[in-house]
Amino acid sequence: MKKPPTTLMLSAILWLLASGNYSNAAEIEVKMLNRGEKGPMVFEPDFVQANPGDTISFIATDRGHDVMSIPGMLPEKAKSFKSKMGENFSITLQDEGVYGVKCSPHYGMGMVALIVIGKPVNEAEATGKTHPGKAKQRFSELFKLMSQH
């Protein structure tokens, strides 16, 4: 016996809801600022804990900034990324691990952030990376924060 189309549609919807195969991903906003709670040239927040499939949106609140991944601070299969200067940028991160990001003109001034997607599977590689100027101090603080989560 053939099921009516509405029964099939309802069955499909119930299956999707029960199986978790629907999008429940979060969008997390990170502001790029000339000055924030932690001082000059910051991402706020500068530490993000998220799940695979979540989208991180970098908001160019102050226009003289960009965001780019830091080589050596990405999960093995993750692709590097870079925004245009002064523009908002969103990226959906699928690969578990630690992502280090910087504002290229203000990297030495410590404008960095740490994003952890799921488990920090590449923590040893990420913590072994060296950084210039104030970025070194900020990453040290961010890795301490990560160990508390």
Protein backbone atom coordinates (compact mmCIF):
# COMPACT_ATOMS: atom_id res chain seq x y z
CA MET A 1 0.00 0.00 0.00
CA LYS A 2 1.31 3.42 -0.97
CA LYS A 3 1.68 6.03 1.76
CA PRO A 4 0.24 9.48 1.11
CA PRO A 5 2.85 12.21 0.40
CA THR A 6 2.12 14.00 3.70
CA THR A 7 2.86 10.81 5.65
CA LEU A 8 6.16 10.39 3.81
CA MET A 9 7.10 14.02 4.44
CA LEU A 10 6.23 13.76 8.13
CA SER A 11 8.24 10.53 8.41
CA ALA A 12 11.26 12.20 6.78
CA ILE A 13 11.07 15.19 9.11
CA LEU A 14 10.78 12.99 12.19
CA TRP A 15 13.74 10.88 11.02
CA LEU A 16 15.89 13.98 10.52
CA LEU A 17 15.01 15.35 13.94
CA ALA A 18 15.62 12.02 15.67
CA SER A 19 18.92 11.35 13.92
CA GLY A 20 20.38 14.80 14.54
CA ASN A 21 21.05 15.29 10.82
CA TYR A 22 19.87 18.86 10.86
CA SER A 23 21.84 22.01 11.24
CA ASN A 24 22.21 23.02 14.86
CA ALA A 25 25.52 24.74 14.27
CA ALA A 26 26.25 27.96 16.08
CA GLU A 27 27.51 31.27 14.73
CA ILE A 28 30.03 32.96 16.99
CA GLU A 29 30.97 36.60 16.47
CA VAL A 30 34.49 37.87 17.11
CA LYS A 31 35.09 41.61 16.90
CA MET A 32 38.30 43.08 15.47
CA LEU A 33 39.02 46.14 17.63
CA ASN A 34 41.54 48.96 17.97
CA ARG A 35 40.91 48.83 21.73
CA GLY A 36 39.02 46.37 23.89
CA GLU A 37 38.84 45.05 27.45
CA LYS A 38 42.38 43.61 27.22
CA GLY A 39 43.94 46.73 25.71
CA PRO A 40 44.87 47.86 22.21
CA MET A 41 44.64 45.76 19.04
CA VAL A 42 42.49 42.81 20.10
CA PHE A 43 40.01 40.24 18.95
CA GLU A 44 37.01 40.02 21.31
CA PRO A 45 36.63 37.35 22.39
CA ASP A 46 40.19 36.17 21.86
CA PHE A 47 39.40 32.61 22.96
CA VAL A 48 36.60 30.62 21.32
CA GLN A 49 35.56 27.05 22.14
CA ALA A 50 33.23 25.72 19.43
CA ASN A 51 31.99 22.55 17.77
CA PRO A 52 32.75 21.17 14.31
CA GLY A 53 30.43 22.88 11.83
CA ASP A 54 30.16 26.11 13.82
CA THR A 55 30.75 29.37 11.96
CA ILE A 56 33.12 31.98 13.30
CA SER A 57 32.29 35.48 12.04
CA PHE A 58 34.98 38.11 12.39
CA ILE A 59 33.39 41.56 12.52
CA ALA A 60 35.49 44.51 11.33
CA THR A 61 34.24 46.83 14.06
CA ASP A 62 37.34 48.94 13.48
CA ARG A 63 38.41 48.87 9.83
CA GLY A 64 42.24 48.60 9.88
CA HIS A 65 42.25 44.86 10.56
CA ASP A 66 42.19 41.50 8.83
CA VAL A 67 42.17 37.93 10.10
CA MET A 68 44.32 35.08 8.89
CA SER A 69 45.29 31.63 10.07
CA ILE A 70 48.79 31.17 11.42
CA PRO A 71 50.90 28.50 9.69
CA GLY A 72 51.68 25.68 12.14
CA MET A 73 48.58 26.44 14.20
CA LEU A 74 45.94 24.56 12.22
CA PRO A 75 44.65 21.00 12.36
CA GLU A 76 46.38 18.74 9.83
CA LYS A 77 43.57 18.70 7.24
CA ALA A 78 42.37 22.29 7.75
CA LYS A 79 42.91 24.85 5.00
CA SER A 80 44.53 28.19 5.71
CA PHE A 81 42.39 31.31 5.40
CA LYS A 82 42.78 35.08 5.12
CA SER A 83 40.27 37.91 4.97
CA LYS A 84 40.48 41.18 3.10
CA MET A 85 41.58 44.21 5.08
CA GLY A 86 38.74 46.02 6.84
CA GLU A 87 36.05 43.52 5.84
CA ASN A 88 33.88 41.12 7.79
CA PHE A 89 34.83 37.48 7.31
CA SER A 90 33.07 34.23 8.18
CA ILE A 91 34.42 30.70 8.14
CA THR A 92 32.78 27.40 9.03
CA LEU A 93 35.32 25.15 10.72
CA GLN A 94 34.84 21.39 10.41
CA ASP A 95 38.17 19.92 11.53
CA GLU A 96 38.73 19.37 15.25
CA GLY A 97 41.74 21.08 16.74
CA VAL A 98 43.43 24.34 17.62
CA TYR A 99 43.35 27.27 15.19
CA GLY A 100 45.63 30.23 15.81
CA VAL A 101 44.64 33.45 14.06
CA LYS A 102 46.21 36.87 13.76
CA CYS A 103 45.64 40.32 12.35
CA SER A 104 48.57 40.61 9.96
CA PRO A 105 49.43 44.30 10.53
CA HIS A 106 49.08 43.99 14.32
CA TYR A 107 50.48 40.49 14.97
CA GLY A 108 53.59 41.75 16.80
CA MET A 109 51.33 43.97 18.93
CA GLY A 110 49.54 40.85 20.14
CA MET A 111 46.38 40.90 18.03
CA VAL A 112 45.82 37.15 18.06
CA ALA A 113 43.07 34.71 18.96
CA LEU A 114 42.79 31.02 19.71
CA ILE A 115 39.89 28.93 18.42
CA VAL A 116 39.39 25.37 19.62
CA ILE A 117 37.01 23.23 17.58
CA GLY A 118 35.99 20.09 19.47
CA LYS A 119 39.10 18.44 20.91
CA PRO A 120 42.49 20.20 20.67
CA VAL A 121 44.04 17.33 18.68
CA ASN A 122 46.98 19.45 17.43
CA GLU A 123 47.70 21.12 20.76
CA ALA A 124 51.39 20.06 20.87
CA GLU A 125 52.10 21.51 17.41
CA ALA A 126 50.19 24.72 18.13
CA THR A 127 51.88 25.36 21.48
CA GLY A 128 55.30 24.76 19.90
CA LYS A 129 54.89 27.64 17.44
CA THR A 130 56.92 30.79 18.19
CA HIS A 131 55.45 34.30 17.93
CA PRO A 132 56.83 37.84 17.76
CA GLY A 133 56.47 40.55 20.39
CA LYS A 134 53.31 40.67 22.45
CA ALA A 135 51.72 37.81 20.47
CA LYS A 136 53.96 35.41 22.43
CA GLN A 137 52.56 36.65 25.76
CA ARG A 138 48.95 36.64 24.55
CA PHE A 139 49.18 33.09 23.19
CA SER A 140 50.71 31.95 26.49
CA GLU A 141 47.64 33.37 28.28
CA LEU A 142 45.27 31.82 25.73
CA PHE A 143 46.82 28.35 26.05
CA LYS A 144 46.43 28.57 29.85
CA LEU A 145 42.79 29.47 29.31
CA MET A 146 42.39 26.53 26.91
CA SER A 147 43.76 24.10 29.51
CA GLN A 148 40.99 25.19 31.91
CA HIS A 149 38.24 24.17 29.48
